Protein backbone atom coordinates (compact mmCIF):
# COMPACT_ATOMS: atom_id res chain seq x y z
CA UNK A 1 95.02 123.86 114.02
CA UNK A 2 92.15 121.84 113.79
CA UNK A 3 92.30 122.64 109.92
CA UNK A 4 95.79 121.03 109.64
CA UNK A 5 94.41 117.94 111.48
CA UNK A 6 91.01 117.39 109.59
CA UNK A 7 94.11 117.87 106.22
CA UNK A 8 96.28 115.15 107.03
CA UNK A 9 93.63 112.77 108.09
CA UNK A 10 92.05 112.99 104.70
CA UNK A 11 95.35 112.25 103.16
CA UNK A 12 96.44 109.29 105.61
CA UNK A 13 92.84 107.61 105.31
CA UNK A 14 92.78 108.62 101.46
CA UNK A 15 96.26 106.90 101.20
CA UNK A 16 94.88 103.59 103.24
CA UNK A 17 92.15 103.75 100.44
CA UNK A 18 94.13 103.97 97.47
CA UNK A 19 96.53 101.24 99.19
CA UNK A 20 93.74 98.63 99.79
CA UNK A 21 92.27 99.17 96.51
CA UNK A 22 95.91 98.44 94.71
CA UNK A 23 95.93 95.16 97.20
CA UNK A 24 92.22 94.54 95.71
CA UNK A 25 93.59 94.76 92.18
CA UNK A 26 96.37 92.45 92.84
CA UNK A 27 94.01 89.77 94.19
CA UNK A 28 92.06 90.12 90.57
CA UNK A 29 95.02 89.98 88.71
CA UNK A 30 96.39 87.28 90.07
CA UNK A 31 92.99 85.29 89.81
CA UNK A 32 93.21 85.73 86.65
CA UNK A 33 96.82 85.09 86.02
CA UNK A 34 95.96 81.77 87.59
CA UNK A 35 93.30 80.72 84.43
CA UNK A 36 95.97 82.10 81.92
CA UNK A 37 98.37 80.41 83.03
CA UNK A 38 99.03 76.54 82.73
CA UNK A 39 101.19 75.17 85.16
CA UNK A 40 102.42 71.20 84.01
CA UNK A 41 99.48 68.35 84.86
CA UNK A 42 100.95 67.49 88.13
CA UNK A 43 99.93 70.58 89.65
CA UNK A 44 96.12 69.84 89.10
CA UNK A 45 95.92 67.92 92.08
CA UNK A 46 94.70 69.18 95.27
CA UNK A 47 94.50 72.53 96.38
CA UNK A 48 95.33 75.41 94.47
CA UNK A 49 97.88 77.29 96.41
CA UNK A 50 98.54 80.86 96.72
CA UNK A 51 101.79 81.83 99.17
CA UNK A 52 102.61 85.49 100.02
CA UNK A 53 105.95 86.24 101.66
CA UNK A 54 105.88 89.15 103.62
CA UNK A 55 102.81 91.99 103.21
CA UNK A 56 99.88 91.18 105.43
CA UNK A 57 97.55 93.59 103.97
CA UNK A 58 98.20 91.58 100.51
CA UNK A 59 97.72 88.78 102.28
CA UNK A 60 94.18 89.66 104.28
CA UNK A 61 92.86 91.17 100.30
CA UNK A 62 94.28 88.22 99.16
CA UNK A 63 92.46 85.92 101.35
CA UNK A 64 88.92 87.97 101.04
CA UNK A 65 88.69 88.01 97.30
CA UNK A 66 90.09 84.16 96.92
CA UNK A 67 87.12 82.80 98.96
CA UNK A 68 85.18 80.49 97.08
CA UNK A 69 87.10 80.81 93.96
CA UNK A 70 88.18 77.94 92.26
CA UNK A 71 90.60 77.14 89.30
CA UNK A 72 88.64 74.71 87.50
CA UNK A 73 87.62 72.26 90.33
CA UNK A 74 90.85 72.81 92.53
CA UNK A 75 89.69 75.27 95.62
CA UNK A 76 92.10 78.24 96.48
CA UNK A 77 94.05 78.61 99.47
CA UNK A 78 96.10 81.27 100.40
CA UNK A 79 98.98 80.97 102.61
CA UNK A 80 101.15 83.62 104.39
CA UNK A 81 104.71 82.86 104.85
CA UNK A 82 107.40 85.17 107.08
CA UNK A 83 110.57 83.94 105.35
CA UNK A 84 112.08 81.87 102.39
CA UNK A 85 112.38 79.03 105.06
CA UNK A 86 108.75 78.60 105.60
CA UNK A 87 108.05 78.84 101.81
CA UNK A 88 105.83 75.17 101.02
CA UNK A 89 105.07 73.60 97.46
CA UNK A 90 102.34 76.08 95.85
CA UNK A 91 101.48 77.09 92.59
CA UNK A 92 102.07 81.04 93.19
CA UNK A 93 104.15 83.06 95.04
CA UNK A 94 103.60 86.76 95.85
CA UNK A 95 106.72 88.07 96.79
CA UNK A 96 106.10 91.54 98.78
CA UNK A 97 108.55 94.56 97.50
CA UNK A 98 110.27 94.71 100.78
CA UNK A 99 111.57 91.13 100.44
CA UNK A 100 113.55 91.55 97.66
CA UNK A 101 116.83 91.20 99.40
CA UNK A 102 115.66 88.03 100.10
CA UNK A 103 114.44 86.82 96.84
CA UNK A 104 118.16 84.31 96.41
CA UNK A 105 117.18 82.80 99.11
CA UNK A 106 113.21 82.21 97.70
CA UNK A 107 114.63 81.51 94.47
CA UNK A 108 116.94 79.28 95.82
CA UNK A 109 114.19 77.55 97.77
CA UNK A 110 112.27 77.16 94.93
CA UNK A 111 114.78 75.75 92.65
CA UNK A 112 113.05 73.20 90.11
CA UNK A 113 109.32 73.66 91.28
CA UNK A 114 106.75 74.94 88.71
CA UNK A 115 105.65 77.80 90.79
CA UNK A 116 105.04 81.30 89.40
CA UNK A 117 106.33 83.87 91.21
CA UNK A 118 105.36 87.16 91.35
CA UNK A 119 106.67 90.17 92.56
CA UNK A 120 105.15 92.93 94.32
CA UNK A 121 106.54 95.52 92.17
CA UNK A 122 108.85 95.76 89.32
CA UNK A 123 112.13 95.69 91.09
CA UNK A 124 111.65 92.39 91.62
CA UNK A 125 111.25 90.88 87.76
CA UNK A 126 115.41 91.25 87.72
CA UNK A 127 115.41 89.21 90.20
CA UNK A 128 113.74 86.00 89.01
CA UNK A 129 109.69 86.78 89.25
CA UNK A 130 108.09 85.83 86.05
CA UNK A 131 105.17 88.45 86.74
CA UNK A 132 105.75 92.14 88.58
CA UNK A 133 103.10 94.68 89.32
CA UNK A 134 103.53 98.20 88.41
CA UNK A 135 101.42 101.06 88.26
CA UNK A 136 101.58 102.93 84.62
CA UNK A 137 99.53 106.40 85.03
CA UNK A 138 98.16 105.56 88.14
CA UNK A 139 96.68 102.06 86.76
CA UNK A 140 97.97 98.84 88.09
CA UNK A 141 99.78 96.85 85.46
CA UNK A 142 102.06 93.98 84.94
CA UNK A 143 105.12 92.94 83.43
CA UNK A 144 106.34 89.58 82.37
CA UNK A 145 109.03 87.60 82.16
CA UNK A 146 108.63 84.89 79.74
CA UNK A 147 111.80 83.79 80.00
CA UNK A 148 111.88 82.93 83.81
CA UNK A 149 108.07 81.67 83.50
CA UNK A 150 109.33 79.20 80.56
CA UNK A 151 111.97 78.09 83.26
CA UNK A 152 109.27 76.84 85.00
CA UNK A 153 107.46 75.12 83.27
CA UNK A 154 104.40 77.41 82.79
CA UNK A 155 102.92 77.81 79.83
CA UNK A 156 101.50 81.91 79.41
CA UNK A 157 98.38 82.19 77.23
CA UNK A 158 98.73 84.54 74.46
CA UNK A 159 95.92 86.65 75.40
CA UNK A 160 97.75 87.18 79.01
CA UNK A 161 101.24 88.11 76.92
CA UNK A 162 99.22 90.72 74.88
CA UNK A 163 97.60 92.24 78.24
CA UNK A 164 101.11 92.77 79.70
CA UNK A 165 102.49 96.24 80.05
CA UNK A 166 106.39 96.56 78.43
CA UNK A 167 108.31 99.65 78.55
């Protein structure tokens, strides 16, 4: 019985470590997205805001990773939004996978804004996200929806396009 308990404990703790590593990797990707995408000039004033809808663990990882980071001269600020109604103007909006059902309200709330919407997984790409994370061969990758990015007046660098994963 003790061996079973220890085995389950190891599996559980390993899954926690893997999840936290994924959030750290996503934070690194998002920081690089911020440097490889060009926003309209009006977005260059004030702080560079990254909003998270849902997923407290991603929010925590993002806050830790973005501490003291900048996009150009702009300080990065990470904000947490619990509902679509809470969303304020930002440069990047990351939507948790479990908020897929809220995508119509989210997209309505940010209509006309130059916001890069990033989905926590590929299922959000068809719901309006410009970028979505996916895991391929146990490696974190991302997919691009160039049409969505263009509608938001975002210019995606060729190097970012080349790095994206396509099925």
